[in-house]
Protein backbone atom coordinates (compact mmCIF):
# COMPACT_ATOMS: atom_id res chain seq x y z
CA UNK A 1 25.12 22.19 5.53
CA UNK A 2 24.97 22.11 1.70
CA UNK A 3 26.03 18.46 1.67
CA UNK A 4 23.23 17.59 4.08
CA UNK A 5 20.67 19.49 2.02
CA UNK A 6 21.77 17.70 -1.14
CA UNK A 7 21.31 14.39 0.64
CA UNK A 8 17.80 15.47 1.72
CA UNK A 9 17.03 16.47 -1.87
CA UNK A 10 18.07 13.02 -3.07
CA UNK A 11 15.95 11.33 -0.41
CA UNK A 12 12.97 13.53 -1.27
CA UNK A 13 13.26 12.47 -4.91
CA UNK A 14 13.41 8.80 -3.91
CA UNK A 15 10.39 9.17 -1.62
CA UNK A 16 8.41 10.90 -4.39
CA UNK A 17 9.27 8.16 -6.88
CA UNK A 18 8.28 5.45 -4.40
CA UNK A 19 5.01 7.22 -3.61
CA UNK A 20 4.30 7.45 -7.32
CA UNK A 21 4.82 3.69 -7.66
CA UNK A 22 2.63 3.05 -4.61
CA UNK A 23 -0.23 5.13 -6.02
CA UNK A 24 0.02 3.38 -9.38
CA UNK A 25 -0.31 0.05 -7.55
CA UNK A 26 -3.25 1.37 -5.53
CA UNK A 27 -4.93 2.29 -8.81
CA UNK A 28 -4.27 -1.17 -10.24
CA UNK A 29 -5.68 -2.74 -7.07
CA UNK A 30 -8.76 -0.55 -7.52
CA UNK A 31 -9.18 -1.93 -11.04
CA UNK A 32 -8.88 -5.48 -9.73
CA UNK A 33 -11.40 -4.80 -6.96
CA UNK A 34 -13.78 -3.31 -9.49
CA UNK A 35 -13.48 -6.38 -11.70
CA UNK A 36 -14.05 -8.74 -8.76
CA UNK A 37 -16.66 -6.50 -7.12
CA UNK A 38 -14.60 -6.27 -3.91
CA UNK A 39 -14.86 -3.52 -1.33
CA UNK A 40 -12.33 -0.73 -1.73
CA UNK A 41 -11.60 -0.47 1.99
CA UNK A 42 -9.99 -3.42 3.76
CA UNK A 43 -9.53 -2.58 7.48
CA UNK A 44 -7.52 -5.74 8.23
CA UNK A 45 -5.00 -4.83 5.53
CA UNK A 46 -4.59 -1.34 6.97
CA UNK A 47 -4.19 -2.76 10.47
CA UNK A 48 -1.51 -5.12 9.14
CA UNK A 49 0.39 -2.24 7.56
CA UNK A 50 0.46 -0.37 10.87
CA UNK A 51 1.53 -3.50 12.75
CA UNK A 52 4.43 -4.11 10.35
CA UNK A 53 5.52 -0.49 10.61
CA UNK A 54 5.45 -0.62 14.41
CA UNK A 55 7.91 -3.53 14.32
CA UNK A 56 10.55 -1.63 12.36
CA UNK A 57 13.72 -0.78 14.27
CA UNK A 58 13.86 2.91 13.37
CA UNK A 59 16.38 5.18 15.03
CA UNK A 60 14.86 8.65 14.81
CA UNK A 61 11.22 8.87 13.83
CA UNK A 62 8.68 8.17 16.55
CA UNK A 63 6.13 5.41 15.90
CA UNK A 64 3.19 7.83 16.15
CA UNK A 65 4.83 10.13 13.58
CA UNK A 66 5.33 7.26 11.16
CA UNK A 67 1.72 6.19 11.70
CA UNK A 68 0.57 9.75 10.95
CA UNK A 69 2.53 9.79 7.70
CA UNK A 70 1.18 6.41 6.67
CA UNK A 71 -2.37 7.36 7.54
CA UNK A 72 -2.13 10.07 4.90
CA UNK A 73 -0.40 7.77 2.39
CA UNK A 74 -3.13 5.16 2.83
CA UNK A 75 -5.86 7.79 2.53
CA UNK A 76 -4.43 9.10 -0.73
CA UNK A 77 -3.97 5.53 -1.96
CA UNK A 78 -7.69 4.97 -1.40
CA UNK A 79 -8.38 7.94 -3.66
CA UNK A 80 -6.39 6.28 -6.43
CA UNK A 81 -8.27 3.04 -5.89
CA UNK A 82 -11.57 4.95 -6.01
CA UNK A 83 -10.54 6.57 -9.31
CA UNK A 84 -10.19 3.11 -10.79
CA UNK A 85 -13.62 2.13 -9.50
CA UNK A 86 -15.14 5.16 -11.21
CA UNK A 87 -13.73 4.37 -14.66
């Protein structure tokens, strides 16, 4: 069991680092949108993300669970974009 937990710990670290990178990019996109006076929310982009995710050949996680996780990731990413708009 300890070996499995260590592997989970490693994966958690990788996920956290990737999320950090994603939020930094969301912030940078917010800066770009501010400069170009673009809308922060882009429904077609979000729809495309969900479509790409639904095409992945995943072995364990159910599509609706992955969508739930990404809904939260996208929502938090919007917050980072909004922070850039407010600066």
